[in-house]
Amino acid sequence: MNIVLTTLNAKYIHTNLALRYLKGSARPEFDPTIVEYTIKDPAFNIVSDLYQYKPDVVGFSCYIWNIEETIRVIRMLKTVSPQTKIVLGGPEVSYDVHDWIRRLPEVDFIVLGEGEVSFKQLLKYFNGEIAIEDVPGICYLQEGKMKIHAQPKKVDLRELPSPFLFEEDLPHLGKRIQYIETSRGCPFSCQFCLSSIEVGVRYFNREKIKEDIRYLMAHGAKTIKFVDRTFNISRSYAMEMFQFLIDEHVPGVVFQFEITADIMRPEVIQFLNDNAPRGLFRFEIGVQSTNDLTNELVKRRQNFEKLKRTVTMVKEGGKIDQHLDLIAGLPEEDYNSFRQTFNDVFAMRPEELQLGFLKLLRGTGLRVEAQKYGYTYVDVAPYEIFSNNVLTFDDIVRIKQAEDVLEKYWNDHRMDNTIEYLVTESFETPFDFFQNFGTYWEEKGWSRIGHQLEDLFKRLEAFLATQPNVNLDIVRSLMQLDYLSKQQFQPRKLWWDERVSREEQKEIYNILKENPTLAGEEFTQFDLSEKAFFKHSLLIPFALDYEAFKNGQIVVKEGYLLAYFRAGMEPYFATLEKVHA
């Protein structure tokens, strides 16, 4: 029996862990082939490739990000290979199964919830070993009548075989994100999240997990992401794993975790600050909202002060980058409340701030109560909302505009010094900067065209020229500093027009040759010839005192910025007095 397990990942660098658990559990009686595609691949190409396997059974792993593309593939595949049994599983089809099974006549069976037991039993049925009645946790149509079998007893996670020991995966381990589970379930009841439906938390065998991590690192894995909904729900377990990863990590490997920040004890953070190598860990923290009523309505217990303490301690430690999530559109969070949420969270200056929008997922409490809060939403995946009783579609559109420039100008860290100055000195709040700039960006039509790095600087400057209370001389100097600080070699292309003439440069070089300490003690050690000076240095008109800036002060001082570029290092900067004719 030819069995293919497949999915359409969001990106090539992703891997599907569920398929590998299904394959491991189906063995040794069955040996499914895993084939992964992306949602960008043409459906015809996917079907053509699947057809080459001459499959008797194809199992699709379904999620909100791939269901519509998957449906297209299923319909085409059933047309060219009608004898192939098509089985769906995954969170997107585990709920509202009566709708899915009638909507998709090409689908033979849907597996509900965890599939390790049900899928293997279904394969035994296909193989003629057992009756269909003996297969748990499936939905199908029989003579036009819908049949739903009760789900099996929860699998003992400690007994599941490793999903990583497949030889065919070895060439890809270093090229893709590797996902790992150490637990299933979530102790919380957030009404917008599917994880709240499964009661309780179950754990895998710790020693097996450690062996899997050793295996992944030994075979070149670079990014290993824990998919546990709350990695740190057990402090002792989290500490044991943190210690293990610190002790045995391979240089260059990064581990990512979803943590609940307000339950993280200060001594755990201090341990990480003291012992974790810089860049080894990365935390993802779902804040979603700082509105107490909103959190109460979605049954989300959160102590924002403790969350803030955790994020602040981690940031001060300087070892771990943090990615914080917000959700616009939660109950009773209107535009002004969301503005406040954004500013509350941005005040912590996370390395990344993701601004998401509520999706009414099948099976969640909020989808059931959609009418209560006046939700209108797209009725196809990913079920994103249009509006609710306190947030209009116009509000949603405006927030999306802010999201666009937040990604480009904060999360990509192209001009941190500039943005920090603008959100603290030039605009009433950080949100107002991103919102006003995002609206301007959209009005200019820039969201519909591409951009190079230089364009981002020019477009910000064009926007700021329209704003009151912005000192353009200071901002331009900060933008130039941000631009140059990312360069290892003298850039051939500058986004600004002002230049220092060749004669001025020669005069400044001669002054520095006589007295190099004018550019700082370190500059004297470079001992640059005139040729090297012109090849590796850049002089630009500058409105700030760089030494004061390094000490956290903005001091206006007309002169020049000297940038000396060094391969593999940040440029050396110094400010010089203006040369007077």
Protein backbone atom coordinates (compact mmCIF):
# COMPACT_ATOMS: atom_id res chain seq x y z
CA MET A 1 0.00 0.00 0.00
CA ASN A 2 1.50 3.32 -1.10
CA ILE A 3 0.86 5.92 1.60
CA VAL A 4 1.79 9.58 1.22
CA LEU A 5 1.63 12.09 4.07
CA THR A 6 1.73 15.67 2.84
CA THR A 7 1.04 19.30 3.64
CA LEU A 8 1.46 22.78 2.21
CA ASN A 9 3.76 24.70 4.54
CA ALA A 10 3.63 28.49 4.70
CA LYS A 11 7.32 28.68 3.72
CA TYR A 12 10.01 26.33 2.47
CA ILE A 13 11.99 26.71 5.71
CA HIS A 14 9.13 25.21 7.76
CA THR A 15 8.75 21.53 8.55
CA ASN A 16 5.61 19.68 9.59
CA LEU A 17 6.05 17.86 12.88
CA ALA A 18 2.60 16.21 12.80
CA LEU A 19 3.40 14.24 9.65
CA ARG A 20 6.52 12.85 11.25
CA TYR A 21 4.66 11.70 14.36
CA LEU A 22 2.11 9.99 12.09
CA LYS A 23 4.85 8.26 10.12
CA GLY A 24 6.66 7.14 13.27
CA SER A 25 3.44 5.79 14.77
CA ALA A 26 2.44 3.96 11.57
CA ARG A 27 5.66 1.96 11.59
CA PRO A 28 6.67 -0.82 11.39
CA GLU A 29 3.50 -2.18 9.76
CA PHE A 30 3.28 0.76 7.35
CA ASP A 31 5.92 3.11 5.96
CA PRO A 32 4.34 6.34 4.68
CA THR A 33 6.32 8.69 2.45
CA ILE A 34 6.44 12.32 3.62
CA VAL A 35 6.27 14.97 0.88
CA GLU A 36 6.06 18.67 1.76
CA TYR A 37 5.14 21.61 -0.46
CA THR A 38 4.42 25.29 0.14
CA ILE A 39 1.29 27.37 -0.38
CA LYS A 40 3.19 29.21 -3.13
CA ASP A 41 3.60 26.08 -5.24
CA PRO A 42 1.10 25.83 -8.13
CA ALA A 43 -1.64 23.30 -7.36
CA PHE A 44 -1.13 21.59 -10.73
CA ASN A 45 2.55 21.02 -9.92
CA ILE A 46 1.70 19.55 -6.52
CA VAL A 47 -0.89 17.20 -8.01
CA SER A 48 1.51 16.13 -10.76
CA ASP A 49 4.16 15.33 -8.17
CA LEU A 50 1.78 13.43 -5.87
CA TYR A 51 0.49 11.45 -8.85
CA GLN A 52 4.00 10.11 -9.52
CA TYR A 53 3.87 8.22 -6.21
CA LYS A 54 0.82 6.21 -7.41
CA PRO A 55 -0.64 6.63 -3.92
CA ASP A 56 -3.34 4.41 -2.48
CA VAL A 57 -3.75 6.86 0.42
CA VAL A 58 -2.84 10.55 0.73
CA GLY A 59 -3.12 12.23 4.12
CA PHE A 60 -3.19 16.04 4.21
CA SER A 61 -2.26 18.07 7.31
CA CYS A 62 -4.61 21.08 7.35
CA TYR A 63 -4.27 24.52 8.97
CA ILE A 64 -5.81 27.94 8.51
CA TRP A 65 -2.88 29.06 6.37
CA ASN A 66 -3.15 26.20 3.86
CA ILE A 67 -6.71 24.88 3.81
CA GLU A 68 -7.96 26.77 0.75
CA GLU A 69 -4.89 25.81 -1.31
CA THR A 70 -5.18 22.24 -0.01
CA ILE A 71 -8.81 22.02 -1.17
CA ARG A 72 -7.74 22.93 -4.70
CA VAL A 73 -5.11 20.20 -4.66
CA ILE A 74 -7.57 17.61 -3.29
CA ARG A 75 -10.15 18.29 -5.99
CA MET A 76 -7.59 18.03 -8.77
CA LEU A 77 -5.97 14.92 -7.29
CA LYS A 78 -9.29 13.10 -6.95
CA THR A 79 -10.04 13.90 -10.59
CA VAL A 80 -6.83 12.35 -11.92
CA SER A 81 -6.61 9.56 -9.33
CA PRO A 82 -10.19 8.71 -8.21
CA GLN A 83 -9.14 5.45 -6.55
CA THR A 84 -6.81 7.26 -4.09
CA LYS A 85 -8.22 7.51 -0.58
CA ILE A 86 -7.96 11.08 0.68
CA VAL A 87 -7.69 11.65 4.42
CA LEU A 88 -7.62 15.04 6.16
CA GLY A 89 -6.35 15.86 9.63
CA GLY A 90 -5.10 18.82 11.61
CA PRO A 91 -6.60 21.65 13.68
CA GLU A 92 -8.46 23.30 10.79
CA VAL A 93 -10.62 20.25 10.02
CA SER A 94 -10.96 18.76 13.51
CA TYR A 95 -13.86 21.10 14.28
CA ASP A 96 -17.08 21.59 12.32
CA VAL A 97 -16.39 18.19 10.74
CA HIS A 98 -20.01 17.87 9.63
CA ASP A 99 -19.48 20.97 7.50
CA TRP A 100 -16.17 19.81 6.02
CA ILE A 101 -17.24 16.25 5.18
CA ARG A 102 -20.31 17.44 3.29
CA ARG A 103 -18.55 20.38 1.67
CA LEU A 104 -15.72 18.22 0.31
CA PRO A 105 -17.12 15.08 -1.37
CA GLU A 106 -13.60 14.31 -2.63
CA VAL A 107 -12.50 13.60 0.97
CA ASP A 108 -12.97 10.03 2.19
CA PHE A 109 -12.14 10.47 5.87
CA ILE A 110 -11.33 13.18 8.40
CA VAL A 111 -9.22 12.30 11.42
CA LEU A 112 -10.21 14.26 14.54
CA GLY A 113 -7.69 15.66 17.01
CA GLU A 114 -4.51 13.71 17.72
CA GLY A 115 -3.98 11.34 14.84
CA GLU A 116 -1.26 8.91 15.89
CA VAL A 117 -3.70 6.14 16.92
CA SER A 118 -6.60 6.89 14.57
CA PHE A 119 -4.53 7.16 11.41
CA LYS A 120 -2.75 3.86 11.98
CA GLN A 121 -6.05 2.11 12.64
CA LEU A 122 -7.48 3.66 9.48
CA LEU A 123 -4.54 2.24 7.51
CA LYS A 124 -5.33 -1.18 8.97
CA TYR A 125 -8.90 -0.77 7.72
CA PHE A 126 -7.66 0.16 4.25
CA ASN A 127 -5.45 -2.94 4.39
CA GLY A 128 -8.45 -5.15 5.19
CA GLU A 129 -7.27 -6.01 8.69
CA ILE A 130 -10.11 -4.48 10.75
CA ALA A 131 -13.66 -3.23 10.27
CA ILE A 132 -14.40 0.46 9.83
CA GLU A 133 -16.32 0.41 13.12
CA ASP A 134 -13.06 -0.36 14.93
CA VAL A 135 -11.35 2.83 13.76
CA PRO A 136 -11.63 5.58 16.44
CA GLY A 137 -11.63 9.35 15.96
CA ILE A 138 -12.77 9.59 12.33
CA CYS A 139 -15.59 11.22 10.39
CA TYR A 140 -16.95 10.03 7.03
CA LEU A 141 -20.10 9.64 4.96
CA GLN A 142 -21.76 6.25 4.62
CA GLU A 143 -24.62 6.08 2.13
CA GLY A 144 -25.06 9.81 2.52
CA LYS A 145 -25.22 9.65 6.32
CA MET A 146 -22.50 11.22 8.41
CA LYS A 147 -20.62 8.95 10.79
CA ILE A 148 -18.45 10.28 13.62
CA HIS A 149 -16.48 7.83 15.74
CA ALA A 150 -15.50 8.71 19.30
CA GLN A 151 -11.88 9.74 19.68
CA PRO A 152 -9.45 7.26 21.22
CA LYS A 153 -7.97 7.57 24.66
CA LYS A 154 -5.24 10.22 24.72
CA VAL A 155 -1.97 8.73 23.59
CA ASP A 156 0.78 8.28 26.17
CA LEU A 157 3.29 10.83 24.89
CA ARG A 158 6.14 9.04 26.66
CA GLU A 159 5.63 6.06 24.36
CA LEU A 160 5.59 7.90 21.03
CA PRO A 161 8.54 7.14 18.74
CA SER A 162 10.89 9.96 17.79
CA PRO A 163 9.71 12.03 14.79
CA PHE A 164 13.28 12.94 13.84
CA LEU A 165 15.14 9.75 12.98
CA PHE A 166 14.19 9.54 9.32
CA GLU A 167 17.14 9.29 6.96
CA GLU A 168 15.39 11.27 4.23
CA ASP A 169 15.23 14.33 6.54
CA LEU A 170 19.00 14.48 7.13
CA PRO A 171 19.88 16.70 4.12
CA HIS A 172 17.33 19.32 5.23
CA LEU A 173 17.96 19.61 8.99
CA GLY A 174 20.26 22.62 8.68
CA LYS A 175 18.17 24.38 6.04
CA ARG A 176 14.80 24.40 7.79
CA ILE A 177 13.36 25.24 11.18
CA GLN A 178 13.07 22.10 13.29
CA TYR A 179 10.05 21.95 15.59
CA ILE A 180 9.97 19.96 18.79
CA GLU A 181 7.26 19.18 21.36
CA THR A 182 7.95 18.52 25.00
CA SER A 183 4.29 18.77 26.03
CA ARG A 184 0.78 18.96 24.63
CA GLY A 185 -2.12 20.97 25.99
CA CYS A 186 -2.40 24.30 27.74
CA PRO A 187 -3.43 25.20 31.29
CA PHE A 188 -5.16 28.40 30.15
CA SER A 189 -8.59 29.02 28.62
CA CYS A 190 -8.09 31.89 26.17
CA GLN A 191 -11.25 31.97 24.08
CA PHE A 192 -9.52 32.95 20.84
CA CYS A 193 -7.10 29.99 20.91
CA LEU A 194 -7.58 26.34 19.96
CA SER A 195 -5.15 25.24 22.66
CA SER A 196 -7.72 26.15 25.31
CA ILE A 197 -9.97 23.31 24.14
CA GLU A 198 -7.63 20.54 25.31
CA VAL A 199 -7.81 20.29 29.09
CA GLY A 200 -4.61 19.63 30.99
CA VAL A 201 -0.95 19.39 30.04
CA ARG A 202 0.78 16.11 29.18
CA TYR A 203 4.55 15.68 28.90
CA PHE A 204 6.87 13.67 26.70
CA ASN A 205 9.73 11.66 28.16
CA ARG A 206 12.44 14.15 29.12
CA GLU A 207 15.38 11.91 28.32
CA LYS A 208 13.97 11.05 24.89
CA ILE A 209 13.54 14.76 24.18
CA LYS A 210 17.15 15.40 25.13
CA GLU A 211 18.29 12.60 22.84
CA ASP A 212 16.26 14.10 19.99
CA ILE A 213 17.85 17.51 20.56
CA ARG A 214 21.33 15.98 20.61
CA TYR A 215 20.52 14.20 17.35
CA LEU A 216 19.25 17.38 15.68
CA MET A 217 22.29 19.40 16.74
CA ALA A 218 24.69 16.64 15.70
CA HIS A 219 23.16 16.60 12.23
CA GLY A 220 23.33 20.32 11.54
CA ALA A 221 20.05 21.80 12.82
CA LYS A 222 20.44 25.57 13.33
CA THR A 223 17.01 26.71 14.55
CA ILE A 224 15.01 24.51 16.93
CA LYS A 225 11.62 25.82 17.93
CA PHE A 226 9.66 24.41 20.86
CA VAL A 227 5.95 24.34 19.99
CA ASP A 228 4.73 23.89 23.58
CA ARG A 229 1.95 26.40 24.21
CA THR A 230 3.49 27.39 27.56
CA PHE A 231 7.03 26.07 27.84
CA ASN A 232 7.55 27.38 31.37
CA ILE A 233 4.31 26.14 32.98
CA SER A 234 6.46 23.80 35.10
CA ARG A 235 9.33 25.77 36.55
CA SER A 236 11.38 22.69 37.45
CA TYR A 237 10.95 21.23 33.97
CA ALA A 238 11.85 24.52 32.26
CA MET A 239 14.92 24.93 34.45
CA GLU A 240 16.08 21.40 33.70
CA MET A 241 15.73 21.98 29.95
CA PHE A 242 17.39 25.40 30.08
CA GLN A 243 20.34 23.89 31.96
CA PHE A 244 20.59 21.02 29.50
CA LEU A 245 20.54 23.35 26.48
CA ILE A 246 23.16 25.65 28.03
CA ASP A 247 25.42 22.70 28.90
CA GLU A 248 25.18 20.80 25.61
CA HIS A 249 24.34 23.34 22.92
CA VAL A 250 26.35 23.46 19.72
CA PRO A 251 27.58 26.96 18.75
CA GLY A 252 25.34 28.53 16.13
CA VAL A 253 22.14 26.77 17.25
CA VAL A 254 19.21 28.92 18.39
CA PHE A 255 16.31 27.66 20.52
CA GLN A 256 12.93 29.41 20.44
CA PHE A 257 10.20 29.09 23.08
CA GLU A 258 6.69 30.36 23.68
CA ILE A 259 6.64 31.42 27.31
CA THR A 260 4.04 32.88 29.65
CA ALA A 261 5.95 35.85 31.02
CA ASP A 262 3.91 36.72 34.08
CA ILE A 263 4.51 33.32 35.73
CA MET A 264 8.27 33.37 35.17
CA ARG A 265 10.13 33.75 38.42
CA PRO A 266 12.90 36.37 38.71
CA GLU A 267 15.41 33.74 39.84
CA VAL A 268 14.85 31.80 36.58
CA ILE A 269 15.53 34.94 34.53
CA GLN A 270 18.58 35.73 36.64
CA PHE A 271 19.87 32.21 36.02
CA LEU A 272 19.50 32.74 32.27
CA ASN A 273 21.06 36.20 32.41
CA ASP A 274 24.02 34.75 34.29
CA ASN A 275 24.52 31.52 32.34
CA ALA A 276 22.97 31.56 28.86
CA PRO A 277 25.26 32.46 25.95
CA ARG A 278 24.09 35.51 24.01
CA GLY A 279 21.72 34.49 21.21
CA LEU A 280 21.18 30.89 22.33
CA PHE A 281 17.55 31.48 23.36
CA ARG A 282 14.70 33.49 21.89
CA PHE A 283 11.38 34.06 23.68
CA GLU A 284 7.95 34.55 22.10
CA ILE A 285 5.45 36.13 24.50
CA GLY A 286 1.76 36.57 23.80
CA VAL A 287 0.58 39.77 25.46
CA GLN A 288 -2.46 40.29 23.18
CA SER A 289 -4.02 43.08 25.26
CA THR A 290 -3.39 45.13 28.39
CA ASN A 291 -7.10 45.95 28.77
CA ASP A 292 -8.30 44.19 31.95
CA LEU A 293 -11.93 43.90 30.83
CA THR A 294 -10.88 42.44 27.48
CA ASN A 295 -8.66 39.85 29.15
CA GLU A 296 -11.47 38.94 31.52
CA LEU A 297 -13.93 38.47 28.66
CA VAL A 298 -11.63 36.11 26.80
CA LYS A 299 -10.76 34.25 30.04
CA ARG A 300 -7.13 35.24 29.81
CA ARG A 301 -5.46 35.49 33.19
CA GLN A 302 -2.59 37.93 32.93
CA ASN A 303 -0.69 40.05 35.42
CA PHE A 304 0.77 42.76 33.24
CA GLU A 305 3.04 44.15 35.94
CA LYS A 306 4.69 40.76 36.39
CA LEU A 307 4.87 40.30 32.63
CA LYS A 308 6.57 43.68 32.37
CA ARG A 309 9.02 42.70 35.10
CA THR A 310 9.98 39.57 33.18
CA VAL A 311 10.38 41.29 29.82
CA THR A 312 12.40 44.10 31.40
CA MET A 313 14.70 41.73 33.29
CA VAL A 314 15.32 39.65 30.18
CA LYS A 315 16.03 42.76 28.11
CA GLU A 316 18.42 44.15 30.70
CA GLY A 317 20.25 40.81 30.70
CA GLY A 318 21.07 41.34 27.04
CA LYS A 319 21.20 37.60 26.29
CA ILE A 320 17.75 36.78 24.88
CA ASP A 321 15.79 38.47 22.08
CA GLN A 322 12.05 38.76 22.72
CA HIS A 323 9.14 38.69 20.27
CA LEU A 324 5.90 40.05 21.75
CA ASP A 325 2.46 39.54 20.18
CA LEU A 326 -0.63 41.76 20.21
CA ILE A 327 -4.09 40.98 18.85
CA ALA A 328 -6.30 43.79 17.53
CA GLY A 329 -10.03 43.11 17.63
CA LEU A 330 -10.54 41.36 20.95
CA PRO A 331 -13.87 42.01 22.74
CA GLU A 332 -14.42 45.57 24.06
CA GLU A 333 -10.98 46.75 22.88
CA ASP A 334 -11.79 49.79 20.76
CA TYR A 335 -9.28 51.82 18.75
CA ASN A 336 -8.19 54.01 21.69
CA SER A 337 -7.86 51.02 23.99
CA PHE A 338 -5.71 49.22 21.43
CA ARG A 339 -3.58 52.34 21.06
CA GLN A 340 -3.01 52.16 24.80
CA THR A 341 -2.19 48.43 24.63
CA PHE A 342 0.35 49.10 21.88
CA ASN A 343 2.00 51.91 23.84
CA ASP A 344 2.06 49.85 27.05
CA VAL A 345 3.93 47.06 25.28
CA PHE A 346 6.15 49.19 23.05
CA ALA A 347 7.37 50.96 26.19
CA MET A 348 9.30 47.75 26.94
CA ARG A 349 11.08 48.05 23.56
CA PRO A 350 10.88 44.38 22.58
CA GLU A 351 13.21 43.35 19.78
CA GLU A 352 10.11 42.43 17.77
CA LEU A 353 6.50 43.46 18.24
CA GLN A 354 3.99 41.60 16.12
CA LEU A 355 0.71 43.34 15.57
CA GLY A 356 -1.84 40.63 14.67
CA PHE A 357 -5.56 40.69 14.01
CA LEU A 358 -8.16 38.48 15.61
CA LYS A 359 -9.13 35.36 13.69
CA LEU A 360 -12.30 33.55 14.70
CA LEU A 361 -10.97 30.01 14.52
CA ARG A 362 -13.33 27.06 14.24
CA GLY A 363 -13.85 25.46 17.63
CA THR A 364 -12.98 28.52 19.73
CA GLY A 365 -15.26 30.18 22.26
CA LEU A 366 -15.09 33.56 20.54
CA ARG A 367 -16.36 32.10 17.29
CA VAL A 368 -19.30 30.59 19.16
CA GLU A 369 -20.00 33.98 20.77
CA ALA A 370 -19.33 36.03 17.63
CA GLN A 371 -22.85 37.46 17.57
CA LYS A 372 -22.62 38.58 21.20
CA TYR A 373 -19.77 40.97 20.35
CA GLY A 374 -21.09 41.97 16.93
CA TYR A 375 -18.30 40.32 14.97
CA THR A 376 -18.29 40.33 11.20
CA TYR A 377 -15.55 38.20 9.69
CA VAL A 378 -14.35 36.44 6.57
CA ASP A 379 -16.01 33.04 6.46
CA VAL A 380 -13.04 31.33 4.82
CA ALA A 381 -9.68 30.69 6.42
CA PRO A 382 -8.01 32.41 8.13
CA TYR A 383 -11.35 33.88 9.39
CA GLU A 384 -9.99 37.35 10.10
CA ILE A 385 -12.48 39.86 11.48
CA PHE A 386 -13.83 42.91 9.64
CA SER A 387 -15.25 44.63 12.71
CA ASN A 388 -17.06 44.20 16.02
CA ASN A 389 -19.34 46.31 18.20
CA VAL A 390 -16.52 48.69 19.28
CA LEU A 391 -14.04 48.48 16.39
CA THR A 392 -15.02 49.54 12.88
CA PHE A 393 -13.55 48.25 9.64
CA ASP A 394 -12.06 51.72 9.19
CA ASP A 395 -10.25 51.24 12.52
CA ILE A 396 -8.95 47.84 11.38
CA VAL A 397 -7.64 49.33 8.13
CA ARG A 398 -5.84 52.10 10.01
CA ILE A 399 -4.22 49.65 12.43
CA LYS A 400 -3.08 47.55 9.47
CA GLN A 401 -1.36 50.64 8.09
CA ALA A 402 0.51 51.02 11.36
CA GLU A 403 1.44 47.33 11.24
CA ASP A 404 3.04 47.73 7.82
CA VAL A 405 5.56 50.37 8.88
CA LEU A 406 6.09 48.73 12.29
CA GLU A 407 7.47 45.69 10.45
CA LYS A 408 9.72 47.73 8.18
CA TYR A 409 10.99 50.32 10.62
CA TRP A 410 11.05 48.63 14.03
CA ASN A 411 11.11 44.86 13.69
CA ASP A 412 13.79 44.97 10.97
CA HIS A 413 15.96 47.29 13.11
CA ARG A 414 17.21 49.38 10.23
CA MET A 415 17.16 52.68 12.12
CA ASP A 416 16.74 52.13 15.85
CA ASN A 417 18.31 55.43 16.92
CA THR A 418 16.03 57.41 14.63
CA ILE A 419 12.84 55.64 15.69
CA GLU A 420 13.73 55.92 19.37
CA TYR A 421 14.14 59.69 19.02
CA LEU A 422 10.93 60.10 17.02
CA VAL A 423 8.70 58.10 19.38
CA THR A 424 10.04 59.86 22.45
CA GLU A 425 10.61 63.43 21.23
CA SER A 426 8.54 64.12 18.12
CA PHE A 427 5.22 62.29 18.51
CA GLU A 428 2.79 62.11 21.40
CA THR A 429 3.09 58.31 21.62
CA PRO A 430 4.90 55.55 19.69
CA PHE A 431 1.59 54.36 18.24
CA ASP A 432 0.90 57.81 16.83
CA PHE A 433 4.18 57.75 14.94
CA PHE A 434 3.53 54.33 13.38
CA GLN A 435 -0.11 55.17 12.69
CA ASN A 436 0.53 58.55 11.07
CA PHE A 437 3.44 57.23 9.04
CA GLY A 438 1.47 54.13 8.03
CA THR A 439 -1.44 56.23 6.79
CA TYR A 440 0.94 58.48 4.84
CA TRP A 441 2.66 55.39 3.40
CA GLU A 442 -0.69 54.06 2.16
CA GLU A 443 -1.77 57.43 0.74
CA LYS A 444 1.44 57.55 -1.30
CA GLY A 445 0.75 54.07 -2.70
CA TRP A 446 4.04 52.72 -1.37
CA SER A 447 2.39 49.55 -0.04
CA ARG A 448 1.84 48.46 -3.65
CA ILE A 449 5.42 48.85 -4.87
CA GLY A 450 8.77 47.44 -3.85
CA HIS A 451 11.52 49.27 -2.03
CA GLN A 452 15.26 49.18 -1.55
CA LEU A 453 17.02 50.13 1.67
CA GLU A 454 17.65 53.69 0.49
CA ASP A 455 13.93 54.10 -0.27
CA LEU A 456 13.02 53.46 3.36
CA PHE A 457 15.16 56.38 4.48
CA LYS A 458 13.90 58.71 1.76
CA ARG A 459 10.26 57.85 2.47
CA LEU A 460 10.61 58.43 6.18
CA GLU A 461 12.25 61.79 5.50
CA ALA A 462 9.44 62.74 3.11
CA PHE A 463 6.84 61.88 5.74
CA LEU A 464 8.62 63.78 8.52
CA ALA A 465 8.77 66.91 6.34
CA THR A 466 4.95 67.00 6.59
CA GLN A 467 4.87 66.75 10.38
CA PRO A 468 4.97 69.54 12.96
CA ASN A 469 7.33 69.35 15.94
CA VAL A 470 10.02 67.38 14.10
CA ASN A 471 13.58 68.71 14.13
CA LEU A 472 14.64 67.55 10.68
CA ASP A 473 18.32 68.38 11.20
CA ILE A 474 18.55 66.11 14.24
CA VAL A 475 16.47 63.35 12.65
CA ARG A 476 18.43 63.42 9.41
CA SER A 477 21.71 63.10 11.32
CA LEU A 478 20.33 60.13 13.26
CA MET A 479 19.11 58.53 10.04
CA GLN A 480 22.55 58.96 8.47
CA LEU A 481 24.16 57.44 11.53
CA ASP A 482 21.76 54.46 11.43
CA TYR A 483 22.41 53.98 7.73
CA LEU A 484 26.19 54.09 8.00
CA SER A 485 26.41 51.97 11.16
CA LYS A 486 25.16 48.94 9.19
CA GLN A 487 27.92 49.25 6.57
CA GLN A 488 31.29 47.48 6.62
CA PHE A 489 32.59 49.27 3.54
CA GLN A 490 32.18 52.81 2.33
CA PRO A 491 28.80 52.80 0.58
CA ARG A 492 28.80 53.69 -3.08
CA LYS A 493 25.25 54.95 -2.92
CA LEU A 494 23.98 57.48 -0.36
CA TRP A 495 20.32 58.37 0.03
CA TRP A 496 21.05 62.03 0.82
CA ASP A 497 22.34 64.71 -1.56
CA GLU A 498 24.68 66.85 0.56
CA ARG A 499 28.37 66.13 -0.02
CA VAL A 500 31.65 67.38 1.39
CA SER A 501 33.81 68.69 -1.45
CA ARG A 502 37.12 67.06 -2.29
CA GLU A 503 38.93 70.21 -1.23
CA GLU A 504 37.25 70.19 2.20
CA GLN A 505 38.08 66.51 2.63
CA LYS A 506 41.74 67.16 1.83
CA GLU A 507 41.85 70.06 4.25
CA ILE A 508 40.29 67.91 7.00
CA TYR A 509 42.72 65.09 6.28
CA ASN A 510 45.67 67.48 6.61
CA ILE A 511 44.28 68.79 9.91
CA LEU A 512 43.84 65.21 11.21
CA LYS A 513 47.32 64.24 10.05
CA GLU A 514 48.72 67.03 12.19
CA ASN A 515 46.42 66.33 15.12
CA PRO A 516 44.67 62.90 14.83
CA THR A 517 43.36 63.10 18.40
CA LEU A 518 40.70 65.52 17.11
CA ALA A 519 38.91 62.36 15.93
CA GLY A 520 39.56 60.51 19.18
CA GLU A 521 42.38 58.53 20.73
CA GLU A 522 41.43 55.34 18.86
CA PHE A 523 41.67 57.12 15.53
CA THR A 524 45.35 57.87 16.12
CA GLN A 525 46.06 54.12 16.06
CA PHE A 526 44.72 53.76 12.50
CA ASP A 527 47.64 55.86 11.15
CA LEU A 528 45.91 56.31 7.78
CA SER A 529 47.70 57.33 4.61
CA GLU A 530 45.86 59.83 2.42
CA LYS A 531 44.94 57.03 0.01
CA ALA A 532 43.57 54.82 2.80
CA PHE A 533 41.72 57.75 4.33
CA PHE A 534 39.83 58.47 1.11
CA LYS A 535 39.21 54.78 0.40
CA HIS A 536 37.87 53.78 3.81
CA SER A 537 36.51 57.01 5.28
CA LEU A 538 33.46 59.14 4.64
CA LEU A 539 32.84 62.73 5.75
CA ILE A 540 29.32 64.14 5.82
CA PRO A 541 27.76 67.35 7.19
CA PHE A 542 26.35 66.48 10.61
CA ALA A 543 24.20 68.29 13.18
CA LEU A 544 25.01 66.30 16.35
CA ASP A 545 27.85 65.74 18.78
CA TYR A 546 28.60 62.01 18.41
CA GLU A 547 30.43 61.73 21.73
CA ALA A 548 27.41 63.17 23.55
CA PHE A 549 25.13 60.85 21.57
CA LYS A 550 27.14 57.81 22.73
CA ASN A 551 26.41 58.93 26.28
CA GLY A 552 22.68 59.12 25.60
CA GLN A 553 22.43 62.84 24.97
CA ILE A 554 21.21 64.74 21.92
CA VAL A 555 23.46 67.77 21.60
CA VAL A 556 23.17 69.95 18.49
CA LYS A 557 26.61 70.75 17.09
CA GLU A 558 27.19 71.74 13.49
CA GLY A 559 30.18 70.00 11.95
CA TYR A 560 31.10 66.77 10.21
CA LEU A 561 30.62 63.08 10.96
CA LEU A 562 33.71 61.04 10.18
CA ALA A 563 32.96 57.38 9.46
CA TYR A 564 35.92 55.02 9.10
CA PHE A 565 34.83 51.64 7.70
CA ARG A 566 36.36 48.39 8.93
CA ALA A 567 35.54 44.99 7.41
CA GLY A 568 33.82 42.73 9.93
CA MET A 569 33.27 45.57 12.41
CA GLU A 570 31.00 48.54 12.94
CA PRO A 571 32.42 51.76 11.51
CA TYR A 572 34.40 54.06 13.75
CA PHE A 573 32.58 57.37 14.21
CA ALA A 574 33.71 60.79 15.38
CA THR A 575 32.42 64.33 14.96
CA LEU A 576 34.71 67.12 13.82
CA GLU A 577 34.47 70.89 13.94
CA LYS A 578 33.33 72.56 10.74
CA VAL A 579 36.18 73.86 8.58
CA HIS A 580 35.82 77.58 7.98
CA ALA A 581 37.27 79.11 4.84
